[in-house]
PDB file of N, CA and C in Angstrom:
ATOM      1  N   ALA A   1       1.490  -2.569  -7.255  1.00  0.00           N
ATOM      2  CA  ALA A   1       1.478  -2.259  -8.676  1.00  0.00           C
ATOM      3  C   ALA A   1       2.816  -1.638  -9.057  1.00  0.00           C
ATOM      4  N   VAL A   2       3.096  -1.620 -10.339  1.00  0.00           N
ATOM      5  CA  VAL A   2       4.272  -0.932 -10.867  1.00  0.00           C
ATOM      6  C   VAL A   2       3.785   0.265 -11.663  1.00  0.00           C
ATOM      7  N   LYS A   3       4.349   1.421 -11.347  1.00  0.00           N
ATOM      8  CA  LYS A   3       4.012   2.636 -12.077  1.00  0.00           C
ATOM      9  C   LYS A   3       5.319   3.252 -12.551  1.00  0.00           C
ATOM     10  N   GLY A   4       5.492   3.315 -13.857  1.00  0.00           N
ATOM     11  CA  GLY A   4       6.773   3.773 -14.393  1.00  0.00           C
ATOM     12  C   GLY A   4       7.846   2.767 -14.027  1.00  0.00           C
ATOM     13  N   SER A   5       8.830   3.196 -13.273  1.00  0.00           N
ATOM     14  CA  SER A   5       9.891   2.281 -12.854  1.00  0.00           C
ATOM     15  C   SER A   5       9.886   2.061 -11.347  1.00  0.00           C
ATOM     16  N   ASN A   6       8.769   2.383 -10.677  1.00  0.00           N
ATOM     17  CA  ASN A   6       8.706   2.235  -9.226  1.00  0.00           C
ATOM     18  C   ASN A   6       7.521   1.384  -8.788  1.00  0.00           C
ATOM     19  N   TRP A   7       7.682   0.748  -7.621  1.00  0.00           N
ATOM     20  CA  TRP A   7       6.600   0.028  -6.986  1.00  0.00           C
ATOM     21  C   TRP A   7       5.634   1.046  -6.392  1.00  0.00           C
ATOM     22  N   THR A   8       4.336   0.756  -6.465  1.00  0.00           N
ATOM     23  CA  THR A   8       3.307   1.652  -5.957  1.00  0.00           C
ATOM     24  C   THR A   8       2.263   0.847  -5.194  1.00  0.00           C
ATOM     25  N   LEU A   9       1.861   1.367  -4.037  1.00  0.00           N
ATOM     26  CA  LEU A   9       0.763   0.776  -3.286  1.00  0.00           C
ATOM     27  C   LEU A   9      -0.436   1.699  -3.453  1.00  0.00           C
ATOM     28  N   ARG A  10      -1.547   1.134  -3.902  1.00  0.00           N
ATOM     29  CA  ARG A  10      -2.766   1.926  -4.084  1.00  0.00           C
ATOM     30  C   ARG A  10      -3.834   1.435  -3.120  1.00  0.00           C
ATOM     31  N   GLN A  11      -4.536   2.373  -2.499  1.00  0.00           N
ATOM     32  CA  GLN A  11      -5.642   2.055  -1.600  1.00  0.00           C
ATOM     33  C   GLN A  11      -6.930   2.609  -2.172  1.00  0.00           C
ATOM     34  N   SER A  12      -8.026   2.083  -1.681  1.00  0.00           N
ATOM     35  CA  SER A  12      -9.331   2.632  -2.025  1.00  0.00           C
ATOM     36  C   SER A  12     -10.250   2.372  -0.854  1.00  0.00           C
ATOM     37  N   PHE A  13     -10.876   3.427  -0.341  1.00  0.00           N
ATOM     38  CA  PHE A  13     -11.821   3.250   0.750  1.00  0.00           C
ATOM     39  C   PHE A  13     -12.885   4.333   0.672  1.00  0.00           C
ATOM     40  N   GLY A  14     -14.008   4.041   1.293  1.00  0.00           N
ATOM     41  CA  GLY A  14     -15.146   4.937   1.236  1.00  0.00           C
ATOM     42  C   GLY A  14     -16.249   4.303   0.410  1.00  0.00           C
ATOM     43  N   CYS A  15     -17.284   5.036   0.202  1.00  0.00           N
ATOM     44  CA  CYS A  15     -18.446   4.543  -0.519  1.00  0.00           C
ATOM     45  C   CYS A  15     -18.257   4.714  -2.032  1.00  0.00           C
ATOM     46  N   ALA A  16     -18.446   3.638  -2.766  1.00  0.00           N
ATOM     47  CA  ALA A  16     -18.267   3.685  -4.222  1.00  0.00           C
ATOM     48  C   ALA A  16     -19.246   4.650  -4.892  1.00  0.00           C
ATOM     49  N   GLN A  17     -20.412   4.848  -4.304  1.00  0.00           N
ATOM     50  CA  GLN A  17     -21.413   5.733  -4.883  1.00  0.00           C
ATOM     51  C   GLN A  17     -21.125   7.217  -4.623  1.00  0.00           C
ATOM     52  N   THR A  18     -20.256   7.513  -3.661  1.00  0.00           N
ATOM     53  CA  THR A  18     -19.981   8.915  -3.314  1.00  0.00           C
ATOM     54  C   THR A  18     -18.504   9.262  -3.449  1.00  0.00           C
ATOM     55  N   ASN A  19     -17.873   8.774  -4.508  1.00  0.00           N
ATOM     56  CA  ASN A  19     -16.491   9.150  -4.801  1.00  0.00           C
ATOM     57  C   ASN A  19     -15.507   8.699  -3.721  1.00  0.00           C
ATOM     58  N   PRO A  20     -15.071   7.445  -3.726  1.00  0.00           N
ATOM     59  CA  PRO A  20     -14.166   6.936  -2.695  1.00  0.00           C
ATOM     60  C   PRO A  20     -12.799   7.634  -2.729  1.00  0.00           C
ATOM     61  N   THR A  21     -12.105   7.549  -1.606  1.00  0.00           N
ATOM     62  CA  THR A  21     -10.753   8.083  -1.483  1.00  0.00           C
ATOM     63  C   THR A  21      -9.781   7.036  -2.017  1.00  0.00           C
ATOM     64  N   ARG A  22      -8.815   7.459  -2.819  1.00  0.00           N
ATOM     65  CA  ARG A  22      -7.865   6.518  -3.438  1.00  0.00           C
ATOM     66  C   ARG A  22      -6.430   7.050  -3.359  1.00  0.00           C
ATOM     67  N   PRO A  23      -5.840   7.023  -2.161  1.00  0.00           N
ATOM     68  CA  PRO A  23      -4.447   7.471  -2.055  1.00  0.00           C
ATOM     69  C   PRO A  23      -3.484   6.417  -2.595  1.00  0.00           C
ATOM     70  N   SER A  24      -2.280   6.835  -2.925  1.00  0.00           N
ATOM     71  CA  SER A  24      -1.250   5.889  -3.346  1.00  0.00           C
ATOM     72  C   SER A  24       0.089   6.321  -2.775  1.00  0.00           C
ATOM     73  N   VAL A  25       0.975   5.345  -2.650  1.00  0.00           N
ATOM     74  CA  VAL A  25       2.334   5.570  -2.165  1.00  0.00           C
ATOM     75  C   VAL A  25       3.278   5.038  -3.228  1.00  0.00           C
ATOM     76  N   VAL A  26       4.229   5.839  -3.646  1.00  0.00           N
ATOM     77  CA  VAL A  26       5.256   5.396  -4.590  1.00  0.00           C
ATOM     78  C   VAL A  26       6.526   5.152  -3.774  1.00  0.00           C
ATOM     79  N   PHE A  27       7.025   3.924  -3.805  1.00  0.00           N
ATOM     80  CA  PHE A  27       8.235   3.589  -3.064  1.00  0.00           C
ATOM     81  C   PHE A  27       9.459   4.070  -3.845  1.00  0.00           C
ATOM     82  N   PRO A  28      10.435   4.663  -3.151  1.00  0.00           N
ATOM     83  CA  PRO A  28      11.559   5.292  -3.853  1.00  0.00           C
ATOM     84  C   PRO A  28      12.504   4.327  -4.565  1.00  0.00           C
ATOM     85  N   GLU A  29      12.649   3.101  -4.060  1.00  0.00           N
ATOM     86  CA  GLU A  29      13.568   2.161  -4.704  1.00  0.00           C
ATOM     87  C   GLU A  29      12.931   1.619  -5.978  1.00  0.00           C
ATOM     88  N   PRO A  30      13.601   1.741  -7.112  1.00  0.00           N
ATOM     89  CA  PRO A  30      12.995   1.341  -8.385  1.00  0.00           C
ATOM     90  C   PRO A  30      12.871  -0.174  -8.543  1.00  0.00           C
ATOM     91  N   VAL A  31      11.999  -0.564  -9.447  1.00  0.00           N
ATOM     92  CA  VAL A  31      11.850  -1.969  -9.840  1.00  0.00           C
ATOM     93  C   VAL A  31      13.126  -2.378 -10.561  1.00  0.00           C
ATOM     94  N   ARG A  32      13.606  -3.576 -10.237  1.00  0.00           N
ATOM     95  CA  ARG A  32      14.785  -4.113 -10.917  1.00  0.00           C
ATOM     96  C   ARG A  32      14.364  -5.380 -11.654  1.00  0.00           C
ATOM     97  N   PRO A  33      14.107  -5.291 -12.948  1.00  0.00           N
ATOM     98  CA  PRO A  33      13.669  -6.464 -13.705  1.00  0.00           C
ATOM     99  C   PRO A  33      14.615  -7.647 -13.507  1.00  0.00           C
ATOM    100  N   GLY A  34      14.020  -8.825 -13.333  1.00  0.00           N
ATOM    101  CA  GLY A  34      14.799 -10.048 -13.166  1.00  0.00           C
ATOM    102  C   GLY A  34      15.246 -10.310 -11.740  1.00  0.00           C
ATOM    103  N   THR A  35      14.896  -9.429 -10.794  1.00  0.00           N
ATOM    104  CA  THR A  35      15.286  -9.581  -9.399  1.00  0.00           C
ATOM    105  C   THR A  35      14.059  -9.899  -8.557  1.00  0.00           C
ATOM    106  N   TRP A  36      14.156 -10.942  -7.736  1.00  0.00           N
ATOM    107  CA  TRP A  36      13.051 -11.309  -6.854  1.00  0.00           C
ATOM    108  C   TRP A  36      12.922 -10.297  -5.732  1.00  0.00           C
ATOM    109  N   VAL A  37      11.680 -10.012  -5.335  1.00  0.00           N
ATOM    110  CA  VAL A  37      11.386  -9.124  -4.209  1.00  0.00           C
ATOM    111  C   VAL A  37      10.405  -9.851  -3.296  1.00  0.00           C
ATOM    112  N   GLY A  38      10.719  -9.883  -1.998  1.00  0.00           N
ATOM    113  CA  GLY A  38       9.818 -10.501  -1.028  1.00  0.00           C
ATOM    114  C   GLY A  38       8.968  -9.439  -0.350  1.00  0.00           C
ATOM    115  N   TRP A  39       7.649  -9.517  -0.551  1.00  0.00           N
ATOM    116  CA  TRP A  39       6.709  -8.566   0.053  1.00  0.00           C
ATOM    117  C   TRP A  39       5.896  -9.264   1.127  1.00  0.00           C
ATOM    118  N   VAL A  40       5.674  -8.581   2.260  1.00  0.00           N
ATOM    119  CA  VAL A  40       4.747  -9.031   3.302  1.00  0.00           C
ATOM    120  C   VAL A  40       3.837  -7.855   3.596  1.00  0.00           C
ATOM    121  N   LEU A  41       2.531  -8.087   3.534  1.00  0.00           N
ATOM    122  CA  LEU A  41       1.550  -7.035   3.824  1.00  0.00           C
ATOM    123  C   LEU A  41       0.652  -7.491   4.959  1.00  0.00           C
ATOM    124  N   HIS A  42       0.490  -6.621   5.945  1.00  0.00           N
ATOM    125  CA  HIS A  42      -0.464  -6.850   7.022  1.00  0.00           C
ATOM    126  C   HIS A  42      -1.526  -5.779   6.897  1.00  0.00           C
ATOM    127  N   ALA A  43      -2.777  -6.164   7.035  1.00  0.00           N
ATOM    128  CA  ALA A  43      -3.865  -5.195   6.966  1.00  0.00           C
ATOM    129  C   ALA A  43      -4.876  -5.493   8.059  1.00  0.00           C
ATOM    130  N   LYS A  44      -5.235  -4.454   8.784  1.00  0.00           N
ATOM    131  CA  LYS A  44      -6.355  -4.526   9.719  1.00  0.00           C
ATOM    132  C   LYS A  44      -7.443  -3.680   9.076  1.00  0.00           C
ATOM    133  N   TRP A  45      -8.408  -4.356   8.454  1.00  0.00           N
ATOM    134  CA  TRP A  45      -9.445  -3.664   7.700  1.00  0.00           C
ATOM    135  C   TRP A  45     -10.402  -2.952   8.650  1.00  0.00           C
ATOM    136  N   ALA A  46     -10.616  -1.668   8.416  1.00  0.00           N
ATOM    137  CA  ALA A  46     -11.541  -0.883   9.238  1.00  0.00           C
ATOM    138  C   ALA A  46     -11.936   0.379   8.476  1.00  0.00           C
ATOM    139  N   PRO A  47     -13.175   0.816   8.618  1.00  0.00           N
ATOM    140  CA  PRO A  47     -13.632   2.019   7.925  1.00  0.00           C
ATOM    141  C   PRO A  47     -13.294   3.312   8.672  1.00  0.00           C
ATOM    142  N   ASP A  48     -12.601   3.179   9.806  1.00  0.00           N
ATOM    143  CA  ASP A  48     -12.303   4.354  10.632  1.00  0.00           C
ATOM    144  C   ASP A  48     -10.818   4.376  11.001  1.00  0.00           C
ATOM    145  N   THR A  49     -10.469   5.098  12.051  1.00  0.00           N
ATOM    146  CA  THR A  49      -9.067   5.252  12.451  1.00  0.00           C
ATOM    147  C   THR A  49      -8.446   3.979  13.009  1.00  0.00           C
ATOM    148  N   ASN A  50      -9.221   2.918  13.185  1.00  0.00           N
ATOM    149  CA  ASN A  50      -8.682   1.653  13.700  1.00  0.00           C
ATOM    150  C   ASN A  50      -7.974   0.827  12.632  1.00  0.00           C
ATOM    151  N   GLY A  51      -8.038   1.238  11.375  1.00  0.00           N
ATOM    152  CA  GLY A  51      -7.393   0.487  10.297  1.00  0.00           C
ATOM    153  C   GLY A  51      -5.878   0.618  10.351  1.00  0.00           C
ATOM    154  N   LEU A  52      -5.197  -0.344   9.740  1.00  0.00           N
ATOM    155  CA  LEU A  52      -3.731  -0.336   9.716  1.00  0.00           C
ATOM    156  C   LEU A  52      -3.231  -1.101   8.502  1.00  0.00           C
ATOM    157  N   ILE A  53      -2.231  -0.564   7.854  1.00  0.00           N
ATOM    158  CA  ILE A  53      -1.524  -1.271   6.781  1.00  0.00           C
ATOM    159  C   ILE A  53      -0.037  -1.209   7.102  1.00  0.00           C
ATOM    160  N   GLN A  54       0.619  -2.369   7.048  1.00  0.00           N
ATOM    161  CA  GLN A  54       2.067  -2.461   7.205  1.00  0.00           C
ATOM    162  C   GLN A  54       2.610  -3.216   5.998  1.00  0.00           C
ATOM    163  N   VAL A  55       3.711  -2.714   5.440  1.00  0.00           N
ATOM    164  CA  VAL A  55       4.313  -3.336   4.263  1.00  0.00           C
ATOM    165  C   VAL A  55       5.805  -3.516   4.517  1.00  0.00           C
ATOM    166  N   TRP A  56       6.269  -4.754   4.318  1.00  0.00           N
ATOM    167  CA  TRP A  56       7.695  -5.055   4.395  1.00  0.00           C
ATOM    168  C   TRP A  56       8.190  -5.431   3.009  1.00  0.00           C
ATOM    169  N   ARG A  57       9.366  -4.978   2.688  1.00  0.00           N
ATOM    170  CA  ARG A  57      10.027  -5.363   1.440  1.00  0.00           C
ATOM    171  C   ARG A  57      11.363  -5.977   1.806  1.00  0.00           C
ATOM    172  N   ASP A  58      11.531  -7.231   1.429  1.00  0.00           N
ATOM    173  CA  ASP A  58      12.761  -7.973   1.735  1.00  0.00           C
ATOM    174  C   ASP A  58      13.134  -7.880   3.208  1.00  0.00           C
ATOM    175  N   GLY A  59      12.126  -8.038   4.084  1.00  0.00           N
ATOM    176  CA  GLY A  59      12.356  -8.077   5.522  1.00  0.00           C
ATOM    177  C   GLY A  59      12.471  -6.726   6.210  1.00  0.00           C
ATOM    178  N   ARG A  60      12.302  -5.637   5.485  1.00  0.00           N
ATOM    179  CA  ARG A  60      12.427  -4.289   6.062  1.00  0.00           C
ATOM    180  C   ARG A  60      11.088  -3.574   5.968  1.00  0.00           C
ATOM    181  N   LEU A  61      10.620  -3.012   7.098  1.00  0.00           N
ATOM    182  CA  LEU A  61       9.361  -2.273   7.103  1.00  0.00           C
ATOM    183  C   LEU A  61       9.527  -1.010   6.265  1.00  0.00           C
ATOM    184  N   VAL A  62       8.719  -0.889   5.203  1.00  0.00           N
ATOM    185  CA  VAL A  62       8.819   0.273   4.302  1.00  0.00           C
ATOM    186  C   VAL A  62       7.597   1.173   4.370  1.00  0.00           C
ATOM    187  N   LEU A  63       6.527   0.706   5.033  1.00  0.00           N
ATOM    188  CA  LEU A  63       5.339   1.544   5.160  1.00  0.00           C
ATOM    189  C   LEU A  63       4.510   1.081   6.332  1.00  0.00           C
ATOM    190  N   GLU A  64       4.051   2.026   7.127  1.00  0.00           N
ATOM    191  CA  GLU A  64       3.074   1.757   8.177  1.00  0.00           C
ATOM    192  C   GLU A  64       2.113   2.933   8.173  1.00  0.00           C
ATOM    193  N   ARG A  65       0.852   2.634   7.941  1.00  0.00           N
ATOM    194  CA  ARG A  65      -0.158   3.692   7.800  1.00  0.00           C
ATOM    195  C   ARG A  65      -1.415   3.282   8.547  1.00  0.00           C
ATOM    196  N   GLY A  66      -1.885   4.172   9.425  1.00  0.00           N
ATOM    197  CA  GLY A  66      -3.118   3.945  10.139  1.00  0.00           C
ATOM    198  C   GLY A  66      -4.254   4.706   9.478  1.00  0.00           C
ATOM    199  N   GLY A  67      -5.470   4.268   9.745  1.00  0.00           N
ATOM    200  CA  GLY A  67      -6.644   4.960   9.219  1.00  0.00           C
ATOM    201  C   GLY A  67      -7.511   4.046   8.388  1.00  0.00           C
ATOM    202  N   PRO A  68      -8.562   4.594   7.780  1.00  0.00           N
ATOM    203  CA  PRO A  68      -9.498   3.762   7.014  1.00  0.00           C
ATOM    204  C   PRO A  68      -8.825   3.083   5.820  1.00  0.00           C
ATOM    205  N   ASN A  69      -9.257   1.860   5.557  1.00  0.00           N
ATOM    206  CA  ASN A  69      -8.668   1.121   4.436  1.00  0.00           C
ATOM    207  C   ASN A  69      -9.566   0.003   3.942  1.00  0.00           C
ATOM    208  N   VAL A  70     -10.864   0.230   3.909  1.00  0.00           N
ATOM    209  CA  VAL A  70     -11.769  -0.791   3.381  1.00  0.00           C
ATOM    210  C   VAL A  70     -12.520  -0.264   2.184  1.00  0.00           C
TER     211      VAL A  70
END
């Protein structure tokens, strides 16, 4: 997602009936209108510590986070 002038990754996990957890990460490099960006996302969906999210931007790993993500 785009929030203000920055790219943002938002997660949501947990039970919808009991207030799920919704962390977000704001990437420091701003959005540049008119410029292509190549994103690659890997996700190992898991409700526990076995989960994993990896995000690459233009071939560079910009985020790696373990933990729940379903």
